Structure formats: structure tokens, C-alpha cells
């Protein structure tokens, strides 16, 4: 089976699992008032799904880096595949740095946050949370755009010369 078919099927399976988990989260016991707050029953399912996806992504990233380093020993990957890996890596690192800077700018001036129960979160931790939330949003948008561009074939270029 070609790698593209495997990749497509794995992506489809991941999307189905994620959609099913979120649909269950929103439909099964979502309105579960406990005191003055709402505590959805399947919150743990969403949390474990995110942990699992993060762990699998990290493991696959490490595997991919090792495999890529082994397969391109002594070869110029750009000449072999037509993919400028160095440029992609630099763009990705730059995008992460820019997204963190945008998040930090958006979080400037936060004040201490006090919950209904009286717990206080310092302004620095609120700012840090804002940094990561905004950064995730920027990176999610970039990933969605990258998927659309790749799936549409706009940036497709032949590796053979």
C-alpha cells in the first residue's frame, strides 16, 4: 500500500475518533450542574484524548526525525525529494516564536484572577496561560491553512528533474 493511502487512512481515523469524542462530550451529560458550576461528565475523555494525541505526536516526531536522518545520510534531501527541509524547519521554528510573541503581547497587562471559591492565580500565570492559548490558536490556524494548501495541490511540485 502506498504511503499516501496509509497517511490518508490514518488521518481519516484520527478525525473520526476526535469527532466522535467531541460529539459524545457535547451530547452525553454536558449539562451537569454541580453547585453553581457546570461539570460535563466526559471531561476526562477529552483530557485523555489530548494527552494521547500529544504523546503519539511527540513519539512520531522523534521517529520521523531519526528515520529521516538515517535515510538521508550523505544525500541531499532537496535533490532527492524536492522538499526543502531546512526552509520548512526554519519557517516552523519562526512561526512558533512569532506565535509566542503574539500571545505575550496579547497577555500584557493581565491582573490577578480570583475564582468564585477564592483561589487566586497570579497575573504572571494568567499572562503565561494567555501566551499559550493565543499561540495554540495561531498555530492551529497555520496548520489548517497548511492542510488546505497541501490537500488542494496548490504547492505540489515534481521531485523529478
N, C-alpha and C. Protein backbone atom coordinates (compact mmCIF):
# COMPACT_ATOMS: atom_id res chain seq x y z
N UNK A 1 0.85 -1.17 0.00
CA UNK A 1 0.00 0.00 0.00
C UNK A 1 0.90 1.24 0.00
N UNK A 2 0.55 2.21 -0.79
CA UNK A 2 1.34 3.43 -0.87
C UNK A 2 1.23 4.23 0.42
N UNK A 3 2.30 4.95 0.71
CA UNK A 3 2.36 5.75 1.94
C UNK A 3 1.26 6.81 1.97
N UNK A 4 0.87 7.31 0.79
CA UNK A 4 -0.20 8.32 0.74
C UNK A 4 -1.53 7.74 1.19
N UNK A 5 -1.81 6.49 0.80
CA UNK A 5 -3.06 5.85 1.22
C UNK A 5 -3.06 5.61 2.72
N UNK A 6 -1.92 5.14 3.23
CA UNK A 6 -1.82 4.90 4.67
C UNK A 6 -2.01 6.21 5.42
N UNK A 7 -1.35 7.26 4.96
CA UNK A 7 -1.46 8.56 5.59
C UNK A 7 -2.90 9.07 5.57
N UNK A 8 -3.57 8.92 4.43
CA UNK A 8 -4.96 9.36 4.31
C UNK A 8 -5.87 8.60 5.27
N UNK A 9 -5.65 7.31 5.36
CA UNK A 9 -6.50 6.49 6.24
C UNK A 9 -6.25 6.79 7.71
N UNK A 10 -5.00 7.01 8.08
CA UNK A 10 -4.69 7.36 9.46
C UNK A 10 -5.30 8.72 9.80
N UNK A 11 -5.17 9.69 8.89
CA UNK A 11 -5.78 11.00 9.11
C UNK A 11 -7.29 10.88 9.27
N UNK A 12 -7.92 10.12 8.41
CA UNK A 12 -9.37 9.92 8.50
C UNK A 12 -9.75 9.25 9.82
N UNK A 13 -8.99 8.25 10.24
CA UNK A 13 -9.28 7.56 11.50
C UNK A 13 -9.14 8.54 12.68
N UNK A 14 -8.10 9.36 12.65
CA UNK A 14 -7.91 10.35 13.73
C UNK A 14 -9.06 11.34 13.77
N UNK A 15 -9.45 11.84 12.62
CA UNK A 15 -10.56 12.80 12.56
C UNK A 15 -11.84 12.16 13.08
N UNK A 16 -12.11 10.92 12.70
CA UNK A 16 -13.33 10.24 13.17
C UNK A 16 -13.30 10.08 14.68
N UNK A 17 -12.17 9.63 15.25
CA UNK A 17 -12.07 9.46 16.69
C UNK A 17 -12.27 10.79 17.41
N UNK A 18 -11.65 11.84 16.90
CA UNK A 18 -11.78 13.16 17.53
C UNK A 18 -13.22 13.66 17.46
N UNK A 19 -13.85 13.54 16.30
CA UNK A 19 -15.23 14.00 16.14
C UNK A 19 -16.17 13.21 17.05
N UNK A 20 -15.99 11.89 17.12
CA UNK A 20 -16.84 11.07 17.98
C UNK A 20 -16.66 11.47 19.45
N UNK A 21 -15.41 11.67 19.88
CA UNK A 21 -15.16 12.06 21.27
C UNK A 21 -15.81 13.41 21.59
N UNK A 22 -15.63 14.39 20.71
CA UNK A 22 -16.22 15.70 20.97
C UNK A 22 -17.75 15.67 20.87
N UNK A 23 -18.30 14.88 19.96
CA UNK A 23 -19.75 14.75 19.87
C UNK A 23 -20.30 14.12 21.15
N UNK A 24 -19.62 13.09 21.65
CA UNK A 24 -20.05 12.47 22.91
C UNK A 24 -19.93 13.46 24.06
N UNK A 25 -18.86 14.22 24.10
CA UNK A 25 -18.65 15.21 25.15
C UNK A 25 -19.79 16.23 25.17
N UNK A 26 -20.19 16.68 23.97
CA UNK A 26 -21.21 17.72 23.89
C UNK A 26 -22.64 17.21 24.04
N UNK A 27 -22.85 15.91 23.85
CA UNK A 27 -24.22 15.38 23.90
C UNK A 27 -24.52 14.52 25.12
N UNK A 28 -23.51 13.89 25.70
CA UNK A 28 -23.74 12.99 26.84
C UNK A 28 -23.34 13.71 28.12
N UNK A 29 -24.31 14.14 28.86
CA UNK A 29 -24.05 14.75 30.16
C UNK A 29 -23.31 16.06 30.14
N UNK A 30 -23.45 16.83 29.07
CA UNK A 30 -22.75 18.12 29.01
C UNK A 30 -23.34 19.09 30.02
N UNK A 31 -24.66 19.10 30.14
CA UNK A 31 -25.31 19.97 31.13
C UNK A 31 -25.43 19.20 32.44
N UNK A 32 -24.40 19.31 33.27
CA UNK A 32 -24.33 18.59 34.53
C UNK A 32 -24.01 19.59 35.65
N UNK A 33 -25.04 20.33 36.07
CA UNK A 33 -24.77 21.34 37.09
C UNK A 33 -24.39 20.71 38.43
N UNK A 34 -23.27 21.16 38.96
CA UNK A 34 -22.83 20.75 40.29
C UNK A 34 -22.62 22.04 41.08
N UNK A 35 -23.53 22.30 41.97
CA UNK A 35 -23.50 23.58 42.69
C UNK A 35 -23.81 24.70 41.72
N UNK A 36 -22.92 25.69 41.65
CA UNK A 36 -23.13 26.83 40.76
C UNK A 36 -22.36 26.68 39.45
N UNK A 37 -21.70 25.55 39.24
CA UNK A 37 -20.90 25.36 38.03
C UNK A 37 -21.43 24.19 37.22
N UNK A 38 -21.01 24.14 35.97
CA UNK A 38 -21.36 23.03 35.08
C UNK A 38 -20.14 22.13 34.96
N UNK A 39 -20.30 20.84 35.24
CA UNK A 39 -19.20 19.90 35.14
C UNK A 39 -19.59 18.76 34.20
N UNK A 40 -19.26 18.90 32.91
CA UNK A 40 -19.60 17.85 31.95
C UNK A 40 -19.02 16.50 32.38
N UNK A 41 -19.78 15.46 32.15
CA UNK A 41 -19.40 14.11 32.59
C UNK A 41 -18.17 13.60 31.85
N UNK A 42 -18.05 13.87 30.57
CA UNK A 42 -16.98 13.29 29.76
C UNK A 42 -15.75 14.19 29.61
N UNK A 43 -15.53 15.07 30.56
CA UNK A 43 -14.35 15.94 30.51
C UNK A 43 -13.07 15.10 30.51
N UNK A 44 -13.05 14.03 31.28
CA UNK A 44 -11.87 13.17 31.34
C UNK A 44 -11.56 12.54 29.99
N UNK A 45 -12.59 12.21 29.23
CA UNK A 45 -12.37 11.61 27.90
C UNK A 45 -11.63 12.60 27.00
N UNK A 46 -12.05 13.85 27.02
CA UNK A 46 -11.39 14.88 26.20
C UNK A 46 -9.96 15.10 26.68
N UNK A 47 -9.76 15.14 27.99
CA UNK A 47 -8.41 15.33 28.53
C UNK A 47 -7.49 14.18 28.12
N UNK A 48 -7.95 12.94 28.25
CA UNK A 48 -7.11 11.78 27.89
C UNK A 48 -6.88 11.72 26.39
N UNK A 49 -7.86 12.14 25.61
CA UNK A 49 -7.68 12.20 24.15
C UNK A 49 -6.55 13.17 23.81
N UNK A 50 -6.54 14.34 24.44
CA UNK A 50 -5.49 15.31 24.18
C UNK A 50 -4.12 14.80 24.64
N UNK A 51 -4.08 14.14 25.80
CA UNK A 51 -2.82 13.55 26.27
C UNK A 51 -2.32 12.51 25.28
N UNK A 52 -3.21 11.65 24.83
CA UNK A 52 -2.84 10.59 23.90
C UNK A 52 -2.35 11.17 22.57
N UNK A 53 -3.08 12.14 22.04
CA UNK A 53 -2.67 12.75 20.77
C UNK A 53 -1.32 13.46 20.91
N UNK A 54 -1.09 14.11 22.03
CA UNK A 54 0.19 14.79 22.25
C UNK A 54 1.33 13.77 22.34
N UNK A 55 1.12 12.68 23.08
CA UNK A 55 2.15 11.66 23.22
C UNK A 55 2.45 10.98 21.89
N UNK A 56 1.41 10.64 21.15
CA UNK A 56 1.61 9.98 19.85
C UNK A 56 2.31 10.93 18.88
N UNK A 57 1.92 12.19 18.88
CA UNK A 57 2.56 13.17 18.01
C UNK A 57 4.04 13.33 18.35
N UNK A 58 4.35 13.41 19.63
CA UNK A 58 5.75 13.54 20.05
C UNK A 58 6.56 12.30 19.64
N UNK A 59 6.00 11.13 19.86
CA UNK A 59 6.70 9.89 19.50
C UNK A 59 6.91 9.79 17.99
N UNK A 60 5.89 10.13 17.21
CA UNK A 60 6.02 10.07 15.76
C UNK A 60 7.01 11.13 15.24
N UNK A 61 7.06 12.27 15.91
CA UNK A 61 8.02 13.30 15.51
C UNK A 61 9.44 12.82 15.73
N UNK A 62 9.70 12.23 16.90
CA UNK A 62 11.04 11.70 17.17
C UNK A 62 11.38 10.60 16.18
N UNK A 63 10.45 9.69 15.94
CA UNK A 63 10.67 8.60 14.98
C UNK A 63 10.96 9.15 13.59
N UNK A 64 10.21 10.16 13.18
CA UNK A 64 10.39 10.74 11.86
C UNK A 64 11.75 11.41 11.71
N UNK A 65 12.18 12.11 12.75
CA UNK A 65 13.49 12.77 12.70
C UNK A 65 14.60 11.74 12.60
N UNK A 66 14.51 10.69 13.42
CA UNK A 66 15.54 9.64 13.38
C UNK A 66 15.54 8.95 12.03
N UNK A 67 14.38 8.60 11.54
CA UNK A 67 14.26 7.89 10.25
C UNK A 67 14.77 8.78 9.10
N UNK A 68 14.44 10.05 9.15
CA UNK A 68 14.87 10.97 8.11
C UNK A 68 16.39 11.13 8.13
N UNK A 69 16.95 11.22 9.32
CA UNK A 69 18.41 11.35 9.44
C UNK A 69 19.11 10.10 8.90
N UNK A 70 18.54 8.93 9.17
CA UNK A 70 19.14 7.69 8.69
C UNK A 70 19.03 7.56 7.17
N UNK A 71 17.90 7.93 6.62
CA UNK A 71 17.69 7.72 5.19
C UNK A 71 18.41 8.76 4.32
N UNK A 72 18.72 9.93 4.88
CA UNK A 72 19.34 10.96 4.05
C UNK A 72 20.83 11.13 4.34
N UNK A 73 21.45 10.14 4.98
CA UNK A 73 22.88 10.21 5.25
C UNK A 73 23.66 10.32 3.95
N UNK A 74 24.39 11.41 3.80
CA UNK A 74 25.24 11.57 2.63
C UNK A 74 24.51 12.04 1.39
N UNK A 75 23.21 12.17 1.43
CA UNK A 75 22.44 12.61 0.26
C UNK A 75 21.90 14.01 0.51
N UNK A 76 21.63 14.69 -0.57
CA UNK A 76 20.98 15.99 -0.48
C UNK A 76 19.47 15.75 -0.57
N UNK A 77 18.72 15.90 0.56
CA UNK A 77 17.28 15.61 0.53
C UNK A 77 16.51 16.45 -0.48
N UNK A 78 16.95 17.69 -0.71
CA UNK A 78 16.24 18.54 -1.67
C UNK A 78 16.36 17.96 -3.08
N UNK A 79 17.54 17.46 -3.44
CA UNK A 79 17.73 16.88 -4.76
C UNK A 79 16.96 15.57 -4.90
N UNK A 80 16.84 14.82 -3.80
CA UNK A 80 16.17 13.52 -3.84
C UNK A 80 14.65 13.66 -3.86
N UNK A 81 14.13 14.50 -2.98
CA UNK A 81 12.67 14.58 -2.82
C UNK A 81 12.06 15.87 -3.36
N UNK A 82 12.85 16.89 -3.53
CA UNK A 82 12.30 18.17 -3.97
C UNK A 82 11.72 18.99 -2.82
N UNK A 83 11.88 18.50 -1.58
CA UNK A 83 11.32 19.18 -0.42
C UNK A 83 12.46 19.91 0.31
N UNK A 84 12.38 21.23 0.42
CA UNK A 84 13.42 21.98 1.12
C UNK A 84 13.24 21.89 2.64
N UNK A 85 13.72 20.81 3.23
CA UNK A 85 13.52 20.56 4.66
C UNK A 85 14.06 21.64 5.55
N UNK A 86 15.23 22.19 5.21
CA UNK A 86 15.81 23.26 6.03
C UNK A 86 14.93 24.49 6.08
N UNK A 87 14.38 24.86 4.94
CA UNK A 87 13.50 26.03 4.89
C UNK A 87 12.22 25.77 5.69
N UNK A 88 11.69 24.57 5.57
CA UNK A 88 10.47 24.23 6.30
C UNK A 88 10.73 24.26 7.80
N UNK A 89 11.87 23.73 8.23
CA UNK A 89 12.21 23.74 9.65
C UNK A 89 12.36 25.17 10.17
N UNK A 90 13.07 26.00 9.43
CA UNK A 90 13.26 27.39 9.85
C UNK A 90 11.92 28.15 9.90
N UNK A 91 11.06 27.90 8.92
CA UNK A 91 9.74 28.54 8.91
C UNK A 91 8.92 28.09 10.12
N UNK A 92 8.98 26.79 10.43
CA UNK A 92 8.22 26.26 11.56
C UNK A 92 8.70 26.85 12.87
N UNK A 93 10.02 26.86 13.08
CA UNK A 93 10.58 27.45 14.31
C UNK A 93 10.21 28.93 14.38
N UNK A 94 10.33 29.64 13.28
CA UNK A 94 9.97 31.06 13.25
C UNK A 94 8.50 31.28 13.57
N UNK A 95 7.64 30.42 13.04
CA UNK A 95 6.21 30.54 13.30
C UNK A 95 5.90 30.32 14.77
N UNK A 96 6.55 29.36 15.39
CA UNK A 96 6.34 29.11 16.82
C UNK A 96 6.79 30.34 17.63
N UNK A 97 7.95 30.87 17.31
CA UNK A 97 8.45 32.05 18.03
C UNK A 97 7.51 33.23 17.84
N UNK A 98 7.06 33.47 16.62
CA UNK A 98 6.14 34.58 16.35
C UNK A 98 4.82 34.38 17.09
N UNK A 99 4.31 33.14 17.12
CA UNK A 99 3.04 32.90 17.81
C UNK A 99 3.16 33.13 19.31
N UNK A 100 4.32 32.78 19.89
CA UNK A 100 4.54 33.03 21.32
C UNK A 100 4.64 34.54 21.57
N UNK A 101 5.31 35.26 20.70
CA UNK A 101 5.41 36.72 20.85
C UNK A 101 4.03 37.36 20.75
N UNK A 102 3.23 36.92 19.78
CA UNK A 102 1.87 37.45 19.64
C UNK A 102 1.07 37.17 20.91
N UNK A 103 1.19 35.95 21.44
CA UNK A 103 0.48 35.61 22.68
C UNK A 103 0.94 36.45 23.85
N UNK A 104 2.25 36.70 23.93
CA UNK A 104 2.77 37.51 25.02
C UNK A 104 2.26 38.95 24.92
N UNK A 105 2.25 39.50 23.71
CA UNK A 105 1.74 40.86 23.51
C UNK A 105 0.26 40.94 23.89
N UNK A 106 -0.50 39.92 23.52
CA UNK A 106 -1.93 39.91 23.86
C UNK A 106 -2.16 39.77 25.37
N UNK A 107 -1.20 39.16 26.08
CA UNK A 107 -1.37 38.93 27.51
C UNK A 107 -0.79 40.01 28.40
N UNK A 108 -0.20 41.04 27.81
CA UNK A 108 0.40 42.11 28.62
C UNK A 108 -0.70 42.83 29.40
N UNK A 109 -0.41 43.12 30.66
CA UNK A 109 -1.34 43.90 31.49
C UNK A 109 -2.40 43.07 32.20
N UNK A 110 -2.26 41.75 32.22
CA UNK A 110 -3.23 40.93 32.94
C UNK A 110 -3.13 41.18 34.43
N UNK A 111 -4.23 41.02 35.12
CA UNK A 111 -4.26 41.19 36.57
C UNK A 111 -4.48 39.83 37.22
N UNK A 112 -4.32 39.80 38.54
CA UNK A 112 -4.58 38.55 39.27
C UNK A 112 -6.01 38.10 39.01
N UNK A 113 -6.20 36.77 38.96
CA UNK A 113 -7.53 36.21 38.72
C UNK A 113 -7.98 35.48 39.97
N UNK A 114 -9.16 35.82 40.45
CA UNK A 114 -9.71 35.18 41.64
C UNK A 114 -10.96 34.39 41.24
N UNK A 115 -10.98 33.11 41.60
CA UNK A 115 -12.13 32.25 41.28
C UNK A 115 -13.24 32.49 42.29
N UNK A 116 -14.39 31.90 42.04
CA UNK A 116 -15.52 32.03 42.97
C UNK A 116 -15.18 31.46 44.34
N UNK A 117 -14.35 30.42 44.35
CA UNK A 117 -14.00 29.80 45.63
C UNK A 117 -12.93 30.58 46.38
N UNK A 118 -12.38 31.61 45.77
CA UNK A 118 -11.40 32.44 46.44
C UNK A 118 -9.95 32.13 46.08
N UNK A 119 -9.71 31.12 45.25
CA UNK A 119 -8.34 30.82 44.81
C UNK A 119 -7.84 31.94 43.91
N UNK A 120 -6.59 32.34 44.12
CA UNK A 120 -6.02 33.45 43.36
C UNK A 120 -4.92 32.91 42.45
N UNK A 121 -5.00 33.28 41.18
CA UNK A 121 -3.94 32.98 40.22
C UNK A 121 -3.22 34.29 39.93
N UNK A 122 -1.90 34.26 40.05
CA UNK A 122 -1.13 35.49 39.86
C UNK A 122 -1.23 35.99 38.43
N UNK A 123 -0.95 37.27 38.27
CA UNK A 123 -1.02 37.89 36.94
C UNK A 123 -0.02 37.25 35.99
N UNK A 124 1.14 36.86 36.49
CA UNK A 124 2.14 36.21 35.63
C UNK A 124 1.64 34.90 35.07
N UNK A 125 0.96 34.11 35.89
CA UNK A 125 0.44 32.84 35.41
C UNK A 125 -0.74 33.06 34.45
N UNK A 126 -1.53 34.09 34.67
CA UNK A 126 -2.62 34.41 33.75
C UNK A 126 -2.03 34.81 32.40
N UNK A 127 -0.96 35.62 32.42
CA UNK A 127 -0.29 36.03 31.19
C UNK A 127 0.29 34.81 30.48
N UNK A 128 0.93 33.91 31.23
CA UNK A 128 1.50 32.70 30.64
C UNK A 128 0.41 31.85 29.98
N UNK A 129 -0.72 31.74 30.65
CA UNK A 129 -1.84 30.99 30.06
C UNK A 129 -2.31 31.65 28.78
N UNK A 130 -2.42 32.97 28.78
CA UNK A 130 -2.80 33.70 27.57
C UNK A 130 -1.80 33.46 26.44
N UNK A 131 -0.51 33.47 26.78
CA UNK A 131 0.53 33.25 25.77
C UNK A 131 0.30 31.90 25.08
N UNK A 132 0.11 30.86 25.87
CA UNK A 132 -0.05 29.54 25.29
C UNK A 132 -1.37 29.40 24.54
N UNK A 133 -2.45 29.99 25.04
CA UNK A 133 -3.74 29.88 24.37
C UNK A 133 -3.72 30.60 23.01
N UNK A 134 -3.18 31.80 22.98
CA UNK A 134 -3.10 32.55 21.73
C UNK A 134 -2.14 31.85 20.77
N UNK A 135 -1.02 31.36 21.29
CA UNK A 135 -0.06 30.65 20.45
C UNK A 135 -0.70 29.41 19.83
N UNK A 136 -1.46 28.66 20.62
CA UNK A 136 -2.15 27.49 20.07
C UNK A 136 -3.14 27.88 18.98
N UNK A 137 -3.83 28.99 19.17
CA UNK A 137 -4.76 29.44 18.14
C UNK A 137 -4.06 29.81 16.85
N UNK A 138 -2.94 30.53 16.96
CA UNK A 138 -2.18 30.92 15.77
C UNK A 138 -1.65 29.67 15.05
N UNK A 139 -1.09 28.73 15.82
CA UNK A 139 -0.54 27.51 15.22
C UNK A 139 -1.65 26.63 14.63
N UNK A 140 -2.82 26.60 15.28
CA UNK A 140 -3.95 25.85 14.73
C UNK A 140 -4.39 26.43 13.40
N UNK A 141 -4.45 27.75 13.32
CA UNK A 141 -4.81 28.41 12.07
C UNK A 141 -3.78 28.11 10.98
N UNK A 142 -2.50 28.18 11.34
CA UNK A 142 -1.43 27.88 10.37
C UNK A 142 -1.51 26.42 9.90
N UNK A 143 -1.79 25.50 10.83
CA UNK A 143 -1.91 24.09 10.46
C UNK A 143 -3.11 23.86 9.53
N UNK A 144 -4.23 24.53 9.83
CA UNK A 144 -5.41 24.39 8.97
C UNK A 144 -5.12 24.91 7.56
N UNK A 145 -4.45 26.04 7.48
CA UNK A 145 -4.10 26.60 6.17
C UNK A 145 -3.15 25.65 5.44
N UNK A 146 -2.17 25.09 6.15
CA UNK A 146 -1.22 24.16 5.53
C UNK A 146 -1.93 22.92 5.00
N UNK A 147 -2.89 22.40 5.76
CA UNK A 147 -3.64 21.22 5.30
C UNK A 147 -4.43 21.55 4.05
N UNK A 148 -5.09 22.69 4.03
CA UNK A 148 -5.88 23.09 2.85
C UNK A 148 -4.97 23.24 1.63
N UNK A 149 -3.83 23.89 1.82
CA UNK A 149 -2.89 24.09 0.70
C UNK A 149 -2.37 22.74 0.20
N UNK A 150 -1.98 21.87 1.12
CA UNK A 150 -1.46 20.56 0.71
C UNK A 150 -2.51 19.69 0.05
N UNK A 151 -3.71 19.69 0.59
CA UNK A 151 -4.78 18.85 0.03
C UNK A 151 -5.26 19.38 -1.33
N UNK A 152 -5.15 20.68 -1.54
CA UNK A 152 -5.62 21.26 -2.80
C UNK A 152 -4.62 21.05 -3.94
N UNK A 153 -3.36 20.79 -3.58
CA UNK A 153 -2.34 20.58 -4.62
C UNK A 153 -1.75 21.85 -5.17
N UNK A 154 -2.04 22.99 -4.52
CA UNK A 154 -1.53 24.28 -4.98
C UNK A 154 -0.01 24.29 -4.98
N UNK A 155 0.58 23.74 -3.93
CA UNK A 155 2.04 23.81 -3.77
C UNK A 155 2.75 22.54 -4.28
N UNK A 156 2.06 21.71 -5.01
CA UNK A 156 2.66 20.48 -5.49
C UNK A 156 3.71 20.77 -6.56
N UNK A 157 4.84 20.12 -6.38
CA UNK A 157 5.94 20.32 -7.31
C UNK A 157 6.57 18.95 -7.56
N UNK A 158 6.93 18.68 -8.76
CA UNK A 158 7.52 17.38 -9.10
C UNK A 158 8.92 17.28 -8.53
N UNK A 159 9.23 16.11 -7.92
CA UNK A 159 10.57 15.87 -7.35
C UNK A 159 11.55 15.47 -8.44
N UNK A 160 11.05 14.96 -9.54
CA UNK A 160 11.96 14.54 -10.60
C UNK A 160 12.37 15.73 -11.45
N UNK A 161 13.63 15.71 -11.86
CA UNK A 161 14.13 16.86 -12.63
C UNK A 161 14.51 16.43 -14.03
